[in-house]
Amino acid sequence: MDYRSHWTEKLFVEHGEVVKREMERQLRKTDGEVSALLRIFSWEGVPSGGRVLDLCCGIGRHSLLLADQGYQIVGVDLSPTLIGRARELAKARGINGRVEFFEGDMRCVSEVLSGYAGDFNVVVNMNTSFGYYGEKEDEEVLRQLWDLSATEGVFILDVGNRDGIIRHFLSRDIKR
């Protein structure tokens, strides 16, 4: 599939360094987010050491901390820059054996992870990185995630609050 004309390619691939810097700034809030994920895992009976797909993983903020907790992590992201940084961080933490990172588009995640059908106890998609492409594409991504998930798999989707975004809408936001 050729998706090179979509805005996500421009932002995450062509300008991956800018996104990487912003994601590194967000590292400080990752502990709280992972604590929330672990509570959900507990409520849903996710086995310790289970396999987790971190879809649109960025620099691996969540992947790394979940691997520290003993989960087997597979992270997928569109950006070679972000995946490269995730691999560096995993190596620096000494957790290469518990985490793998793949460069790939979420719209063809089953191709990217062709050997993983039915393997994931949990699929995590954090930070409103779903819904960029349209309903047809979203449905296809969900179908692929269903096929990648174990029978009792859990899907955690973190999205922004539409009403809150509208209420506090910024036509422009600049971060330095």
N, C-alpha and C. Protein backbone atom coordinates (compact mmCIF):
# COMPACT_ATOMS: atom_id res chain seq x y z
N MET A 1 0.83 -1.18 0.00
CA MET A 1 0.00 0.00 0.00
C MET A 1 0.88 1.25 0.00
N ASP A 2 0.43 2.23 -0.73
CA ASP A 2 1.19 3.48 -0.79
C ASP A 2 0.39 4.59 -0.13
N TYR A 3 0.84 4.99 1.05
CA TYR A 3 0.14 6.01 1.82
C TYR A 3 0.94 7.31 1.90
N ARG A 4 1.91 7.48 1.02
CA ARG A 4 2.84 8.61 1.16
C ARG A 4 2.22 9.98 0.99
N SER A 5 1.00 10.07 0.52
CA SER A 5 0.42 11.39 0.30
C SER A 5 -0.41 11.89 1.48
N HIS A 6 -0.57 11.09 2.52
CA HIS A 6 -1.38 11.47 3.67
C HIS A 6 -0.58 12.38 4.60
N TRP A 7 -1.28 13.28 5.32
CA TRP A 7 -0.60 14.21 6.22
C TRP A 7 0.22 13.52 7.29
N THR A 8 -0.17 12.30 7.67
CA THR A 8 0.59 11.59 8.70
C THR A 8 2.01 11.30 8.23
N GLU A 9 2.17 11.05 6.94
CA GLU A 9 3.52 10.84 6.39
C GLU A 9 4.35 12.11 6.54
N LYS A 10 3.75 13.24 6.21
CA LYS A 10 4.49 14.51 6.33
C LYS A 10 4.93 14.76 7.77
N LEU A 11 4.00 14.58 8.71
CA LEU A 11 4.31 14.89 10.10
C LEU A 11 5.25 13.85 10.71
N PHE A 12 4.89 12.59 10.68
CA PHE A 12 5.60 11.57 11.43
C PHE A 12 6.83 11.01 10.72
N VAL A 13 6.85 11.08 9.40
CA VAL A 13 8.00 10.56 8.67
C VAL A 13 8.94 11.71 8.28
N GLU A 14 8.42 12.69 7.55
CA GLU A 14 9.27 13.78 7.09
C GLU A 14 9.73 14.69 8.22
N HIS A 15 8.92 14.83 9.26
CA HIS A 15 9.27 15.71 10.38
C HIS A 15 9.34 14.93 11.69
N GLY A 16 9.81 13.72 11.61
CA GLY A 16 9.90 12.84 12.78
C GLY A 16 10.72 13.41 13.91
N GLU A 17 11.76 14.18 13.61
CA GLU A 17 12.60 14.77 14.66
C GLU A 17 11.81 15.73 15.55
N VAL A 18 10.90 16.48 14.94
CA VAL A 18 10.08 17.42 15.71
C VAL A 18 9.15 16.64 16.64
N VAL A 19 8.51 15.61 16.11
CA VAL A 19 7.61 14.78 16.91
C VAL A 19 8.39 14.08 18.02
N LYS A 20 9.58 13.60 17.70
CA LYS A 20 10.41 12.91 18.70
C LYS A 20 10.71 13.83 19.88
N ARG A 21 11.05 15.07 19.61
CA ARG A 21 11.34 16.01 20.70
C ARG A 21 10.12 16.20 21.60
N GLU A 22 8.95 16.31 21.00
CA GLU A 22 7.74 16.49 21.79
C GLU A 22 7.45 15.23 22.61
N MET A 23 7.64 14.06 22.03
CA MET A 23 7.41 12.82 22.77
C MET A 23 8.39 12.67 23.93
N GLU A 24 9.60 13.10 23.73
CA GLU A 24 10.57 13.03 24.82
C GLU A 24 10.18 13.96 25.97
N ARG A 25 9.54 15.08 25.65
CA ARG A 25 9.04 15.98 26.70
C ARG A 25 7.92 15.30 27.51
N GLN A 26 7.20 14.41 26.85
CA GLN A 26 6.07 13.75 27.51
C GLN A 26 6.50 12.56 28.38
N LEU A 27 7.78 12.22 28.38
CA LEU A 27 8.25 11.08 29.16
C LEU A 27 7.88 11.21 30.64
N ARG A 28 7.85 12.43 31.15
CA ARG A 28 7.59 12.64 32.58
C ARG A 28 6.19 12.21 32.98
N LYS A 29 5.24 12.20 32.08
CA LYS A 29 3.88 11.80 32.45
C LYS A 29 3.58 10.33 32.16
N THR A 30 4.57 9.61 31.67
CA THR A 30 4.35 8.23 31.25
C THR A 30 4.09 7.30 32.43
N ASP A 31 4.75 7.52 33.57
CA ASP A 31 4.54 6.65 34.74
C ASP A 31 3.06 6.57 35.10
N GLY A 32 2.39 7.70 35.15
CA GLY A 32 0.97 7.73 35.51
C GLY A 32 0.11 7.02 34.48
N GLU A 33 0.42 7.21 33.21
CA GLU A 33 -0.35 6.55 32.15
C GLU A 33 -0.16 5.03 32.21
N VAL A 34 1.05 4.59 32.46
CA VAL A 34 1.31 3.15 32.54
C VAL A 34 0.67 2.56 33.79
N SER A 35 0.66 3.30 34.88
CA SER A 35 -0.04 2.83 36.08
C SER A 35 -1.52 2.60 35.78
N ALA A 36 -2.11 3.51 35.03
CA ALA A 36 -3.52 3.35 34.64
C ALA A 36 -3.70 2.12 33.74
N LEU A 37 -2.78 1.92 32.81
CA LEU A 37 -2.85 0.73 31.95
C LEU A 37 -2.75 -0.55 32.78
N LEU A 38 -1.84 -0.56 33.73
CA LEU A 38 -1.67 -1.75 34.57
C LEU A 38 -2.91 -2.05 35.40
N ARG A 39 -3.61 -1.00 35.85
CA ARG A 39 -4.88 -1.22 36.57
C ARG A 39 -5.91 -1.87 35.65
N ILE A 40 -5.98 -1.39 34.42
CA ILE A 40 -6.91 -1.98 33.45
C ILE A 40 -6.52 -3.43 33.19
N PHE A 41 -5.23 -3.69 33.01
CA PHE A 41 -4.76 -5.07 32.80
C PHE A 41 -5.24 -5.96 33.95
N SER A 42 -5.10 -5.47 35.16
CA SER A 42 -5.50 -6.24 36.34
C SER A 42 -7.01 -6.50 36.33
N TRP A 43 -7.80 -5.45 36.10
CA TRP A 43 -9.26 -5.59 36.07
C TRP A 43 -9.70 -6.61 35.02
N GLU A 44 -8.99 -6.61 33.88
CA GLU A 44 -9.39 -7.47 32.75
C GLU A 44 -8.73 -8.85 32.78
N GLY A 45 -7.90 -9.10 33.78
CA GLY A 45 -7.28 -10.41 33.91
C GLY A 45 -6.20 -10.71 32.88
N VAL A 46 -5.51 -9.67 32.43
CA VAL A 46 -4.40 -9.87 31.49
C VAL A 46 -3.30 -10.64 32.21
N PRO A 47 -2.83 -11.73 31.64
CA PRO A 47 -1.81 -12.52 32.33
C PRO A 47 -0.49 -11.75 32.46
N SER A 48 0.16 -11.90 33.62
CA SER A 48 1.48 -11.28 33.76
C SER A 48 2.40 -11.92 32.73
N GLY A 49 3.22 -11.13 32.13
CA GLY A 49 4.09 -11.63 31.07
C GLY A 49 3.38 -11.78 29.73
N GLY A 50 2.12 -11.32 29.65
CA GLY A 50 1.36 -11.42 28.40
C GLY A 50 1.96 -10.58 27.29
N ARG A 51 1.47 -10.82 26.08
CA ARG A 51 1.98 -10.09 24.91
C ARG A 51 1.10 -8.88 24.64
N VAL A 52 1.74 -7.71 24.50
CA VAL A 52 1.06 -6.43 24.30
C VAL A 52 1.50 -5.81 22.99
N LEU A 53 0.52 -5.40 22.18
CA LEU A 53 0.80 -4.62 20.98
C LEU A 53 0.59 -3.15 21.32
N ASP A 54 1.63 -2.36 21.18
CA ASP A 54 1.56 -0.91 21.36
C ASP A 54 1.52 -0.31 19.97
N LEU A 55 0.31 -0.06 19.48
CA LEU A 55 0.11 0.45 18.12
C LEU A 55 0.29 1.96 18.10
N CYS A 56 1.09 2.44 17.18
CA CYS A 56 1.47 3.85 17.11
C CYS A 56 2.27 4.20 18.36
N CYS A 57 3.30 3.42 18.61
CA CYS A 57 4.07 3.46 19.86
C CYS A 57 5.00 4.65 19.98
N GLY A 58 5.24 5.37 18.90
CA GLY A 58 6.15 6.51 18.98
C GLY A 58 7.54 6.07 19.42
N ILE A 59 8.07 6.73 20.44
CA ILE A 59 9.42 6.41 20.94
C ILE A 59 9.38 5.29 21.98
N GLY A 60 8.22 4.68 22.14
CA GLY A 60 8.11 3.54 23.05
C GLY A 60 7.88 3.90 24.50
N ARG A 61 7.35 5.09 24.75
CA ARG A 61 7.16 5.53 26.15
C ARG A 61 6.43 4.48 26.99
N HIS A 62 5.32 3.99 26.50
CA HIS A 62 4.53 3.01 27.25
C HIS A 62 5.14 1.62 27.13
N SER A 63 5.64 1.29 25.96
CA SER A 63 6.24 -0.03 25.71
C SER A 63 7.35 -0.33 26.70
N LEU A 64 8.22 0.63 26.90
CA LEU A 64 9.40 0.41 27.76
C LEU A 64 9.00 0.13 29.19
N LEU A 65 8.06 0.89 29.72
CA LEU A 65 7.65 0.69 31.10
C LEU A 65 6.85 -0.60 31.27
N LEU A 66 6.06 -0.96 30.26
CA LEU A 66 5.33 -2.22 30.33
C LEU A 66 6.30 -3.41 30.25
N ALA A 67 7.34 -3.27 29.44
CA ALA A 67 8.37 -4.32 29.38
C ALA A 67 9.09 -4.45 30.72
N ASP A 68 9.31 -3.33 31.38
CA ASP A 68 9.91 -3.35 32.72
C ASP A 68 9.05 -4.15 33.71
N GLN A 69 7.75 -4.19 33.46
CA GLN A 69 6.81 -4.92 34.32
C GLN A 69 6.70 -6.40 33.92
N GLY A 70 7.48 -6.81 32.91
CA GLY A 70 7.51 -8.22 32.52
C GLY A 70 6.67 -8.60 31.33
N TYR A 71 5.96 -7.65 30.74
CA TYR A 71 5.16 -7.95 29.55
C TYR A 71 6.05 -8.07 28.32
N GLN A 72 5.62 -8.88 27.38
CA GLN A 72 6.29 -9.02 26.09
C GLN A 72 5.65 -8.00 25.15
N ILE A 73 6.43 -7.04 24.68
CA ILE A 73 5.89 -5.90 23.96
C ILE A 73 6.30 -5.93 22.50
N VAL A 74 5.33 -5.61 21.63
CA VAL A 74 5.60 -5.36 20.23
C VAL A 74 5.06 -3.97 19.93
N GLY A 75 5.94 -3.08 19.51
CA GLY A 75 5.53 -1.72 19.18
C GLY A 75 5.60 -1.51 17.67
N VAL A 76 4.62 -0.80 17.14
CA VAL A 76 4.56 -0.48 15.72
C VAL A 76 4.33 1.01 15.58
N ASP A 77 5.10 1.64 14.70
CA ASP A 77 4.90 3.05 14.41
C ASP A 77 5.30 3.34 12.96
N LEU A 78 4.66 4.34 12.40
CA LEU A 78 4.90 4.77 11.03
C LEU A 78 6.28 5.41 10.83
N SER A 79 6.80 6.01 11.88
CA SER A 79 7.98 6.85 11.77
C SER A 79 9.29 6.10 12.01
N PRO A 80 10.17 6.07 11.02
CA PRO A 80 11.48 5.46 11.26
C PRO A 80 12.28 6.19 12.34
N THR A 81 12.11 7.50 12.45
CA THR A 81 12.81 8.27 13.47
C THR A 81 12.35 7.85 14.87
N LEU A 82 11.05 7.72 15.04
CA LEU A 82 10.51 7.36 16.35
C LEU A 82 10.85 5.92 16.71
N ILE A 83 10.75 5.02 15.75
CA ILE A 83 11.10 3.62 16.00
C ILE A 83 12.59 3.51 16.34
N GLY A 84 13.42 4.26 15.64
CA GLY A 84 14.85 4.25 15.94
C GLY A 84 15.12 4.68 17.37
N ARG A 85 14.42 5.72 17.81
CA ARG A 85 14.61 6.20 19.19
C ARG A 85 14.08 5.17 20.19
N ALA A 86 12.97 4.53 19.89
CA ALA A 86 12.43 3.48 20.77
C ALA A 86 13.44 2.35 20.93
N ARG A 87 14.07 1.95 19.84
CA ARG A 87 15.08 0.89 19.91
C ARG A 87 16.28 1.32 20.76
N GLU A 88 16.70 2.57 20.59
CA GLU A 88 17.82 3.09 21.40
C GLU A 88 17.48 3.05 22.89
N LEU A 89 16.27 3.50 23.23
CA LEU A 89 15.87 3.54 24.63
C LEU A 89 15.76 2.13 25.21
N ALA A 90 15.26 1.18 24.42
CA ALA A 90 15.16 -0.21 24.88
C ALA A 90 16.54 -0.80 25.13
N LYS A 91 17.45 -0.52 24.23
CA LYS A 91 18.82 -1.02 24.40
C LYS A 91 19.46 -0.43 25.64
N ALA A 92 19.27 0.87 25.84
CA ALA A 92 19.86 1.54 27.01
C ALA A 92 19.30 0.98 28.32
N ARG A 93 18.04 0.53 28.31
CA ARG A 93 17.41 -0.04 29.51
C ARG A 93 17.73 -1.52 29.68
N GLY A 94 18.32 -2.12 28.65
CA GLY A 94 18.64 -3.54 28.71
C GLY A 94 17.43 -4.46 28.63
N ILE A 95 16.41 -4.04 27.87
CA ILE A 95 15.19 -4.84 27.77
C ILE A 95 14.91 -5.33 26.35
N ASN A 96 15.94 -5.39 25.54
CA ASN A 96 15.75 -5.81 24.15
C ASN A 96 15.04 -7.15 24.02
N GLY A 97 15.22 -8.05 24.96
CA GLY A 97 14.59 -9.37 24.88
C GLY A 97 13.10 -9.36 25.14
N ARG A 98 12.57 -8.27 25.72
CA ARG A 98 11.15 -8.21 26.03
C ARG A 98 10.38 -7.24 25.15
N VAL A 99 11.06 -6.58 24.23
CA VAL A 99 10.38 -5.59 23.40
C VAL A 99 10.95 -5.64 21.98
N GLU A 100 10.05 -5.57 21.02
CA GLU A 100 10.44 -5.48 19.60
C GLU A 100 9.71 -4.29 19.00
N PHE A 101 10.38 -3.57 18.13
CA PHE A 101 9.76 -2.43 17.47
C PHE A 101 9.82 -2.62 15.96
N PHE A 102 8.67 -2.35 15.32
CA PHE A 102 8.55 -2.48 13.87
C PHE A 102 8.09 -1.16 13.27
N GLU A 103 8.70 -0.78 12.17
CA GLU A 103 8.25 0.37 11.41
C GLU A 103 7.13 -0.09 10.50
N GLY A 104 5.99 0.60 10.56
CA GLY A 104 4.89 0.24 9.69
C GLY A 104 3.66 1.09 9.94
N ASP A 105 2.80 1.12 8.95
CA ASP A 105 1.57 1.89 8.96
C ASP A 105 0.47 1.08 9.64
N MET A 106 -0.27 1.71 10.54
CA MET A 106 -1.34 1.02 11.24
C MET A 106 -2.41 0.48 10.29
N ARG A 107 -2.56 1.08 9.12
CA ARG A 107 -3.57 0.64 8.17
C ARG A 107 -3.24 -0.71 7.55
N CYS A 108 -2.00 -1.14 7.69
CA CYS A 108 -1.63 -2.48 7.21
C CYS A 108 -0.87 -3.22 8.30
N VAL A 109 -1.35 -3.08 9.54
CA VAL A 109 -0.66 -3.68 10.68
C VAL A 109 -0.61 -5.20 10.60
N SER A 110 -1.60 -5.83 9.99
CA SER A 110 -1.54 -7.29 9.88
C SER A 110 -0.43 -7.74 8.94
N GLU A 111 -0.09 -6.92 7.95
CA GLU A 111 1.06 -7.24 7.10
C GLU A 111 2.37 -7.02 7.87
N VAL A 112 2.44 -5.93 8.61
CA VAL A 112 3.64 -5.63 9.39
C VAL A 112 3.91 -6.74 10.40
N LEU A 113 2.84 -7.27 10.99
CA LEU A 113 2.95 -8.29 12.03
C LEU A 113 2.39 -9.63 11.54
N SER A 114 2.78 -10.02 10.36
CA SER A 114 2.18 -11.20 9.72
C SER A 114 2.32 -12.49 10.53
N GLY A 115 3.31 -12.62 11.38
CA GLY A 115 3.48 -13.84 12.15
C GLY A 115 2.83 -13.83 13.52
N TYR A 116 1.99 -12.83 13.80
CA TYR A 116 1.46 -12.65 15.15
C TYR A 116 -0.06 -12.85 15.27
N ALA A 117 -0.70 -13.44 14.30
CA ALA A 117 -2.17 -13.59 14.35
C ALA A 117 -2.59 -14.30 15.63
N GLY A 118 -3.52 -13.69 16.34
CA GLY A 118 -4.07 -14.26 17.56
C GLY A 118 -3.16 -14.24 18.77
N ASP A 119 -2.05 -13.52 18.71
CA ASP A 119 -1.02 -13.57 19.76
C ASP A 119 -1.17 -12.54 20.88
N PHE A 120 -1.89 -11.47 20.67
CA PHE A 120 -1.84 -10.35 21.61
C PHE A 120 -2.93 -10.43 22.68
N ASN A 121 -2.49 -10.43 23.94
CA ASN A 121 -3.42 -10.37 25.06
C ASN A 121 -4.02 -8.98 25.18
N VAL A 122 -3.24 -7.98 24.77
CA VAL A 122 -3.68 -6.58 24.86
C VAL A 122 -3.20 -5.83 23.63
N VAL A 123 -4.08 -4.97 23.10
CA VAL A 123 -3.70 -3.99 22.10
C VAL A 123 -3.93 -2.63 22.73
N VAL A 124 -2.90 -1.80 22.72
CA VAL A 124 -2.96 -0.46 23.30
C VAL A 124 -2.72 0.55 22.18
N ASN A 125 -3.57 1.56 22.13
CA ASN A 125 -3.39 2.66 21.18
C ASN A 125 -3.59 3.95 21.98
N MET A 126 -2.49 4.59 22.30
CA MET A 126 -2.51 5.73 23.22
C MET A 126 -2.38 7.07 22.49
N ASN A 127 -2.77 8.11 23.20
CA ASN A 127 -2.54 9.50 22.79
C ASN A 127 -3.25 9.91 21.51
N THR A 128 -4.49 9.50 21.37
CA THR A 128 -5.33 9.94 20.25
C THR A 128 -4.66 9.70 18.90
N SER A 129 -4.07 8.53 18.74
CA SER A 129 -3.43 8.22 17.46
C SER A 129 -4.30 7.30 16.62
N PHE A 130 -5.60 7.35 16.85
CA PHE A 130 -6.57 6.57 16.06
C PHE A 130 -7.57 7.56 15.48
N GLY A 131 -8.04 7.27 14.29
CA GLY A 131 -9.06 8.12 13.69
C GLY A 131 -8.51 9.16 12.72
N TYR A 132 -7.28 9.02 12.32
CA TYR A 132 -6.67 9.98 11.41
C TYR A 132 -7.10 9.80 9.95
N TYR A 133 -7.66 8.65 9.62
CA TYR A 133 -7.79 8.30 8.20
C TYR A 133 -9.21 8.23 7.66
N GLY A 134 -10.21 8.13 8.47
CA GLY A 134 -11.59 8.02 8.01
C GLY A 134 -12.22 6.72 8.47
N GLU A 135 -13.54 6.67 8.42
CA GLU A 135 -14.28 5.53 8.97
C GLU A 135 -13.93 4.21 8.30
N LYS A 136 -13.82 4.19 6.99
CA LYS A 136 -13.51 2.94 6.28
C LYS A 136 -12.16 2.39 6.73
N GLU A 137 -11.16 3.26 6.79
CA GLU A 137 -9.83 2.84 7.22
C GLU A 137 -9.81 2.42 8.68
N ASP A 138 -10.55 3.17 9.53
CA ASP A 138 -10.63 2.82 10.95
C ASP A 138 -11.23 1.43 11.13
N GLU A 139 -12.29 1.15 10.40
CA GLU A 139 -12.92 -0.18 10.48
C GLU A 139 -11.94 -1.27 10.05
N GLU A 140 -11.16 -1.00 9.03
CA GLU A 140 -10.18 -1.98 8.56
C GLU A 140 -9.08 -2.20 9.59
N VAL A 141 -8.62 -1.13 10.22
CA VAL A 141 -7.61 -1.27 11.27
C VAL A 141 -8.19 -2.11 12.42
N LEU A 142 -9.41 -1.83 12.82
CA LEU A 142 -10.03 -2.59 13.91
C LEU A 142 -10.18 -4.07 13.54
N ARG A 143 -10.53 -4.35 12.30
CA ARG A 143 -10.63 -5.74 11.85
C ARG A 143 -9.28 -6.44 11.97
N GLN A 144 -8.24 -5.75 11.54
CA GLN A 144 -6.89 -6.33 11.63
C GLN A 144 -6.48 -6.55 13.09
N LEU A 145 -6.82 -5.61 13.96
CA LEU A 145 -6.48 -5.76 15.38
C LEU A 145 -7.24 -6.93 16.00
N TRP A 146 -8.47 -7.11 15.58
CA TRP A 146 -9.26 -8.27 16.04
C TRP A 146 -8.53 -9.56 15.68
N ASP A 147 -8.04 -9.63 14.45
CA ASP A 147 -7.34 -10.84 14.00
C ASP A 147 -6.02 -11.06 14.73
N LEU A 148 -5.39 -9.98 15.16
CA LEU A 148 -4.12 -10.09 15.88
C LEU A 148 -4.31 -10.42 17.37
N SER A 149 -5.50 -10.20 17.87
CA SER A 149 -5.77 -10.37 19.30
C SER A 149 -6.08 -11.82 19.65
N ALA A 150 -5.69 -12.18 20.88
CA ALA A 150 -6.05 -13.48 21.44
C ALA A 150 -7.56 -13.51 21.68
N THR A 151 -8.10 -14.70 21.89
CA THR A 151 -9.54 -14.87 22.09
C THR A 151 -10.10 -13.97 23.18
N GLU A 152 -9.43 -13.87 24.29
CA GLU A 152 -9.88 -13.03 25.40
C GLU A 152 -9.09 -11.72 25.44
N GLY A 153 -8.66 -11.24 24.29
CA GLY A 153 -7.83 -10.05 24.22
C GLY A 153 -8.56 -8.79 24.66
N VAL A 154 -7.78 -7.81 25.08
CA VAL A 154 -8.28 -6.53 25.56
C VAL A 154 -7.78 -5.45 24.61
N PHE A 155 -8.66 -4.51 24.27
CA PHE A 155 -8.29 -3.39 23.42
C PHE A 155 -8.48 -2.11 24.21
N ILE A 156 -7.39 -1.34 24.34
CA ILE A 156 -7.43 -0.08 25.07
C ILE A 156 -7.14 1.05 24.08
N LEU A 157 -8.13 1.92 23.92
CA LEU A 157 -8.03 3.03 22.98
C LEU A 157 -8.12 4.32 23.78
N ASP A 158 -7.07 5.12 23.71
CA ASP A 158 -7.01 6.40 24.42
C ASP A 158 -7.20 7.51 23.39
N VAL A 159 -8.33 8.21 23.50
CA VAL A 159 -8.61 9.29 22.56
C VAL A 159 -8.99 10.55 23.31
N GLY A 160 -8.84 11.66 22.65
CA GLY A 160 -9.20 12.94 23.25
C GLY A 160 -10.71 13.06 23.40
N ASN A 161 -11.10 13.88 24.32
CA ASN A 161 -12.50 14.15 24.56
C ASN A 161 -12.96 15.19 23.55
N ARG A 162 -13.81 14.76 22.61
CA ARG A 162 -14.26 15.64 21.54
C ARG A 162 -14.87 16.93 22.09
N ASP A 163 -15.76 16.79 23.08
CA ASP A 163 -16.42 17.97 23.63
C ASP A 163 -15.43 18.91 24.30
N GLY A 164 -14.45 18.33 25.02
CA GLY A 164 -13.43 19.15 25.65
C GLY A 164 -12.57 19.88 24.64
N ILE A 165 -12.24 19.18 23.57
CA ILE A 165 -11.42 19.80 22.51
C ILE A 165 -12.18 20.96 21.88
N ILE A 166 -13.47 20.75 21.60
CA ILE A 166 -14.28 21.81 20.99
C ILE A 166 -14.41 22.98 21.96
N ARG A 167 -14.66 22.69 23.23
CA ARG A 167 -14.84 23.74 24.23
C ARG A 167 -13.57 24.58 24.41
N HIS A 168 -12.41 23.95 24.29
CA HIS A 168 -11.13 24.65 24.48
C HIS A 168 -10.33 24.70 23.18
N PHE A 169 -11.02 24.80 22.07
CA PHE A 169 -10.38 24.73 20.76
C PHE A 169 -9.35 25.84 20.58
N LEU A 170 -8.19 25.44 20.07
CA LEU A 170 -7.15 26.39 19.68
C LEU A 170 -6.96 26.26 18.18
N SER A 171 -7.13 27.35 17.47
CA SER A 171 -6.94 27.26 16.02
C SER A 171 -5.48 27.06 15.67
N ARG A 172 -4.61 27.34 16.66
CA ARG A 172 -3.17 27.21 16.44
C ARG A 172 -2.50 26.94 17.78
N ASP A 173 -1.52 26.09 17.78
CA ASP A 173 -0.79 25.78 19.00
C ASP A 173 0.69 25.66 18.64
N ILE A 174 1.51 26.44 19.25
CA ILE A 174 2.94 26.43 18.94
C ILE A 174 3.69 26.02 20.18
N LYS A 175 4.55 25.02 20.03
CA LYS A 175 5.40 24.59 21.14
C LYS A 175 6.84 24.72 20.71
N ARG A 176 7.67 25.18 21.60
CA ARG A 176 9.08 25.34 21.30
C ARG A 176 9.88 24.37 22.14
